[in-house]
Amino acid sequence: ELGISKDSYRFIINTSAKAGQTVFHMHAHLLGGEEMGWPEA
């Protein structure tokens, strides 16, 4: 219904200056809907 895969998703939380924030807060993303892998080294 939402387009999120039932067997593959990624939940990402970013916070603090190294995440590019100037006002610190929790920032979350739920990524899904396609096969995910790691970038080539």
Protein backbone atom coordinates (compact mmCIF):
# COMPACT_ATOMS: atom_id res chain seq x y z
CA GLU A 1 0.00 0.00 0.00
CA LEU A 2 2.80 2.45 0.87
CA GLY A 3 5.30 1.06 -1.64
CA ILE A 4 7.68 -0.20 1.08
CA SER A 5 9.13 -3.67 0.57
CA LYS A 6 8.15 -6.18 3.27
CA ASP A 7 11.52 -7.92 3.15
CA SER A 8 13.98 -5.08 2.52
CA TYR A 9 14.02 -1.59 3.95
CA ARG A 10 16.49 0.76 5.61
CA PHE A 11 15.79 3.05 8.60
CA ILE A 12 18.35 5.86 8.86
CA ILE A 13 18.77 8.36 11.71
CA ASN A 14 20.97 11.46 11.32
CA THR A 15 21.84 13.89 14.11
CA SER A 16 24.46 16.49 15.07
CA ALA A 17 26.99 18.64 13.23
CA LYS A 18 28.52 15.77 11.22
CA ALA A 19 25.07 15.21 9.71
CA GLY A 20 25.05 18.84 8.54
CA GLN A 21 22.73 20.15 11.24
CA THR A 22 23.03 23.58 12.86
CA VAL A 23 20.02 22.98 15.14
CA PHE A 24 20.52 19.49 16.58
CA HIS A 25 17.52 17.16 16.36
CA MET A 26 16.77 13.58 15.33
CA HIS A 27 16.13 13.32 11.58
CA ALA A 28 14.92 9.95 10.25
CA HIS A 29 14.38 8.37 6.83
CA LEU A 30 12.56 5.12 6.01
CA LEU A 31 13.78 3.88 2.62
CA GLY A 32 12.20 0.97 0.81
CA GLY A 33 10.53 -0.16 -2.35
CA GLU A 34 13.60 -1.43 -4.18
CA GLU A 35 16.55 -3.75 -3.59
CA MET A 36 19.30 -2.00 -1.65
CA GLY A 37 23.01 -2.68 -1.56
CA TRP A 38 26.29 -1.01 -0.70
CA PRO A 39 28.10 1.33 -3.10
CA GLU A 40 31.12 -0.04 -4.93
CA ALA A 41 34.40 0.58 -3.06
